[in-house]
N, C-alpha and C. Protein backbone atom coordinates (compact mmCIF):
# COMPACT_ATOMS: atom_id res chain seq x y z
N MET A 1 0.88 -1.23 0.06
CA MET A 1 0.02 0.02 0.02
C MET A 1 0.95 1.31 0.01
N PRO A 2 0.68 2.16 -0.87
CA PRO A 2 1.51 3.29 -1.04
C PRO A 2 1.36 4.22 0.28
N THR A 3 2.42 4.88 0.64
CA THR A 3 2.34 5.79 1.70
C THR A 3 2.94 7.05 1.22
N SER A 4 2.55 8.19 2.05
CA SER A 4 3.06 9.42 1.66
C SER A 4 3.40 10.17 2.94
N ILE A 5 4.61 10.64 3.06
CA ILE A 5 4.98 11.48 4.32
C ILE A 5 5.38 12.85 3.90
N THR A 6 5.15 13.73 4.80
CA THR A 6 5.47 15.26 4.43
C THR A 6 6.58 15.63 5.32
N VAL A 7 7.63 16.21 4.84
CA VAL A 7 8.69 16.86 5.63
C VAL A 7 9.01 18.19 5.28
N ASN A 8 9.53 18.96 6.18
CA ASN A 8 9.83 20.34 5.90
C ASN A 8 11.28 20.34 5.25
N ILE A 9 11.56 21.40 4.56
CA ILE A 9 12.79 21.58 3.79
C ILE A 9 14.06 21.19 4.57
N HIS A 10 14.07 21.73 5.87
CA HIS A 10 15.18 21.62 6.69
C HIS A 10 15.35 20.05 7.04
N GLU A 11 14.36 19.37 7.35
CA GLU A 11 14.45 17.94 7.57
C GLU A 11 14.93 17.20 6.28
N ALA A 12 14.31 17.52 5.19
CA ALA A 12 14.75 16.88 3.92
C ALA A 12 16.14 17.09 3.53
N LYS A 13 16.69 18.23 3.85
CA LYS A 13 18.27 18.45 3.68
C LYS A 13 19.00 17.77 4.67
N THR A 14 18.54 17.78 5.87
CA THR A 14 19.42 17.08 6.76
C THR A 14 19.44 15.60 6.75
N HIS A 15 18.21 15.03 6.41
CA HIS A 15 18.10 13.55 6.42
C HIS A 15 17.72 12.86 5.10
N LEU A 16 18.24 13.63 4.00
CA LEU A 16 17.97 13.10 2.62
C LEU A 16 18.27 11.61 2.35
N SER A 17 19.48 11.20 2.79
CA SER A 17 19.90 9.67 2.62
C SER A 17 18.92 8.88 3.28
N ARG A 18 18.52 9.22 4.48
CA ARG A 18 17.69 8.25 5.30
C ARG A 18 16.38 8.30 4.66
N LEU A 19 15.86 9.44 4.24
CA LEU A 19 14.50 9.47 3.58
C LEU A 19 14.44 8.52 2.32
N LEU A 20 15.49 8.65 1.47
CA LEU A 20 15.61 8.03 0.27
C LEU A 20 15.76 6.48 0.56
N ASP A 21 16.39 6.10 1.57
CA ASP A 21 16.41 4.65 1.93
C ASP A 21 15.13 4.10 2.38
N GLN A 22 14.27 4.93 3.00
CA GLN A 22 12.96 4.35 3.33
C GLN A 22 11.89 4.50 2.31
N LEU A 23 12.22 4.96 1.30
CA LEU A 23 11.34 5.25 0.11
C LEU A 23 11.12 3.82 -0.62
N GLY A 24 9.77 3.55 -0.64
CA GLY A 24 9.55 2.20 -1.34
C GLY A 24 9.01 2.57 -2.71
N SER A 25 8.77 1.47 -3.51
CA SER A 25 8.48 1.66 -4.96
C SER A 25 7.24 2.44 -5.24
N ASP A 26 6.35 2.38 -4.26
CA ASP A 26 4.99 3.03 -4.41
C ASP A 26 4.84 4.30 -3.47
N ASP A 27 5.83 4.54 -2.67
CA ASP A 27 5.81 5.64 -1.65
C ASP A 27 6.27 7.01 -2.28
N GLU A 28 5.88 8.02 -1.59
CA GLU A 28 6.34 9.35 -1.96
C GLU A 28 6.55 10.30 -0.70
N ILE A 29 7.40 11.05 -0.85
CA ILE A 29 7.86 12.07 0.16
C ILE A 29 7.53 13.40 -0.28
N VAL A 30 6.65 14.20 0.27
CA VAL A 30 6.37 15.56 -0.03
C VAL A 30 7.14 16.45 0.78
N ILE A 31 7.78 17.35 0.19
CA ILE A 31 8.79 18.36 0.83
C ILE A 31 7.83 19.68 0.88
N ALA A 32 7.84 20.28 2.14
CA ALA A 32 6.97 21.44 2.37
C ALA A 32 7.79 22.63 2.83
N LYS A 33 7.33 23.78 2.44
CA LYS A 33 7.92 25.05 2.85
C LYS A 33 6.90 25.77 3.52
N SER A 34 7.04 26.17 4.76
CA SER A 34 6.01 26.77 5.66
C SER A 34 4.82 26.14 5.64
N GLY A 35 4.74 24.78 5.63
CA GLY A 35 3.57 23.91 5.67
C GLY A 35 2.90 23.68 4.26
N LYS A 36 3.48 24.35 3.20
CA LYS A 36 2.78 24.25 1.90
C LYS A 36 3.64 23.26 1.07
N PRO A 37 3.15 22.27 0.46
CA PRO A 37 3.84 21.38 -0.41
C PRO A 37 4.59 22.10 -1.58
N VAL A 38 5.88 21.77 -1.81
CA VAL A 38 6.43 22.39 -2.94
C VAL A 38 7.13 21.41 -3.86
N ALA A 39 7.40 20.32 -3.37
CA ALA A 39 8.05 19.25 -4.19
C ALA A 39 7.60 17.79 -3.78
N LYS A 40 7.83 16.83 -4.58
CA LYS A 40 7.52 15.50 -4.33
C LYS A 40 8.60 14.56 -4.69
N LEU A 41 9.08 13.66 -3.88
CA LEU A 41 10.13 12.65 -4.26
C LEU A 41 9.38 11.34 -4.47
N SER A 42 9.69 10.68 -5.45
CA SER A 42 9.15 9.28 -5.54
C SER A 42 10.29 8.39 -6.21
N SER A 43 10.07 7.13 -6.09
CA SER A 43 10.95 6.14 -6.72
C SER A 43 10.93 6.24 -8.08
N ILE A 44 12.10 6.05 -8.73
CA ILE A 44 12.23 5.99 -10.31
C ILE A 44 11.54 4.44 -10.71
N HIS A 45 11.51 3.66 -9.71
CA HIS A 45 10.95 2.26 -9.96
C HIS A 45 9.47 2.20 -9.68
N ALA A 46 8.87 3.24 -9.55
CA ALA A 46 7.43 3.31 -9.18
C ALA A 46 6.61 2.55 -10.20
N LYS A 47 5.61 1.80 -9.80
CA LYS A 47 4.80 1.00 -10.77
C LYS A 47 3.75 1.95 -11.35
N ARG A 48 3.66 1.84 -12.70
CA ARG A 48 2.72 2.76 -13.40
C ARG A 48 1.43 2.00 -13.42
N LYS A 49 0.39 2.86 -13.42
CA LYS A 49 -0.96 2.33 -13.43
C LYS A 49 -1.27 2.00 -14.93
N ALA A 50 -1.69 0.83 -15.19
CA ALA A 50 -2.04 0.61 -16.50
C ALA A 50 -3.34 1.27 -17.00
N LEU A 51 -3.34 1.84 -18.19
CA LEU A 51 -4.53 2.62 -18.69
C LEU A 51 -5.37 1.47 -19.32
N PRO A 52 -6.72 1.66 -19.09
CA PRO A 52 -7.56 0.60 -19.67
C PRO A 52 -7.55 0.80 -21.32
N TYR A 53 -7.47 -0.33 -21.87
CA TYR A 53 -7.41 -0.53 -23.34
C TYR A 53 -8.71 0.15 -23.80
N GLY A 54 -8.53 0.99 -24.86
CA GLY A 54 -9.66 1.63 -25.58
C GLY A 54 -10.34 2.73 -24.79
N MET A 55 -9.67 3.25 -23.83
CA MET A 55 -10.40 4.27 -23.08
C MET A 55 -10.58 5.66 -23.72
N LEU A 56 -9.87 5.78 -24.92
CA LEU A 56 -10.10 7.07 -25.70
C LEU A 56 -10.89 6.75 -27.00
N LYS A 57 -11.33 5.59 -27.00
CA LYS A 57 -12.12 5.28 -28.27
C LYS A 57 -13.25 6.24 -28.43
N GLY A 58 -13.43 6.78 -29.66
CA GLY A 58 -14.53 7.68 -29.99
C GLY A 58 -14.15 9.18 -29.54
N LYS A 59 -13.11 9.34 -28.85
CA LYS A 59 -12.85 10.72 -28.28
C LYS A 59 -11.83 11.52 -29.07
N LEU A 60 -11.05 10.76 -29.99
CA LEU A 60 -10.00 11.45 -30.91
C LEU A 60 -10.48 11.33 -32.37
N LYS A 61 -10.33 12.38 -33.04
CA LYS A 61 -10.77 12.37 -34.42
C LYS A 61 -9.52 12.90 -35.26
N ALA A 62 -9.21 12.28 -36.33
CA ALA A 62 -8.18 12.73 -37.30
C ALA A 62 -8.92 13.14 -38.64
N LYS A 63 -8.33 14.06 -39.17
CA LYS A 63 -8.81 14.46 -40.47
C LYS A 63 -8.58 13.33 -41.56
N ALA A 64 -9.36 13.29 -42.47
CA ALA A 64 -9.24 12.17 -43.51
C ALA A 64 -7.99 12.31 -44.17
N ASP A 65 -7.38 13.49 -44.34
CA ASP A 65 -6.08 13.67 -45.04
C ASP A 65 -4.88 13.82 -44.16
N PHE A 66 -4.97 13.28 -42.94
CA PHE A 66 -3.87 13.53 -42.05
C PHE A 66 -2.67 12.96 -42.44
N ASP A 67 -2.49 11.97 -43.25
CA ASP A 67 -1.39 11.40 -43.80
C ASP A 67 -1.03 11.81 -45.15
N ALA A 68 -1.54 12.74 -45.82
CA ALA A 68 -1.33 13.33 -47.02
C ALA A 68 -0.01 13.92 -47.10
N PRO A 69 0.74 13.84 -48.27
CA PRO A 69 2.05 14.47 -48.43
C PRO A 69 2.00 15.99 -48.00
N LEU A 70 3.05 16.50 -47.43
CA LEU A 70 3.19 17.96 -46.99
C LEU A 70 3.39 18.79 -48.21
N PRO A 71 2.90 19.99 -48.22
CA PRO A 71 3.24 20.85 -49.29
C PRO A 71 4.71 21.19 -49.52
N ASP A 72 5.04 21.57 -50.76
CA ASP A 72 6.53 21.75 -51.17
C ASP A 72 7.18 22.77 -50.21
N ASP A 73 6.43 23.90 -49.87
CA ASP A 73 7.12 24.90 -49.12
C ASP A 73 7.38 24.48 -47.74
N VAL A 74 6.55 23.58 -47.10
CA VAL A 74 6.88 23.01 -45.76
C VAL A 74 7.98 22.14 -45.87
N ILE A 75 8.05 21.25 -46.83
CA ILE A 75 9.21 20.32 -47.02
C ILE A 75 10.53 21.11 -47.20
N ALA A 76 10.29 22.22 -47.97
CA ALA A 76 11.61 23.12 -48.20
C ALA A 76 12.01 23.73 -46.82
N ALA A 77 11.08 24.05 -46.09
CA ALA A 77 11.50 24.67 -44.73
C ALA A 77 12.13 23.71 -43.80
N PHE A 78 11.74 22.38 -43.79
CA PHE A 78 12.29 21.38 -43.03
C PHE A 78 13.67 21.14 -43.50
N GLU A 79 13.89 21.12 -44.79
CA GLU A 79 15.18 20.85 -45.41
C GLU A 79 16.19 22.15 -45.50
N GLY A 80 15.59 23.15 -45.08
CA GLY A 80 16.51 24.43 -44.93
C GLY A 80 16.74 25.10 -46.32
N ARG A 81 15.74 24.95 -47.10
CA ARG A 81 15.89 25.61 -48.54
C ARG A 81 15.14 26.82 -48.46
């Protein structure tokens, strides 16, 4: 179960190594300044939530000619001509 703890900036600076050691894959550490959250530390190995397959079905539309060749002036601009 993910946990979240909040620490002030001074504690984060003083105990950064200890805080990182206790950081689990789903945990986060919120760093606050004057009681207001300003940053969040989380593991780079955090599990990502899988998005449901097809969740955007019917919500995105592409023009019929979205894959048509680009106009010559646009190609020339990309090629630096």
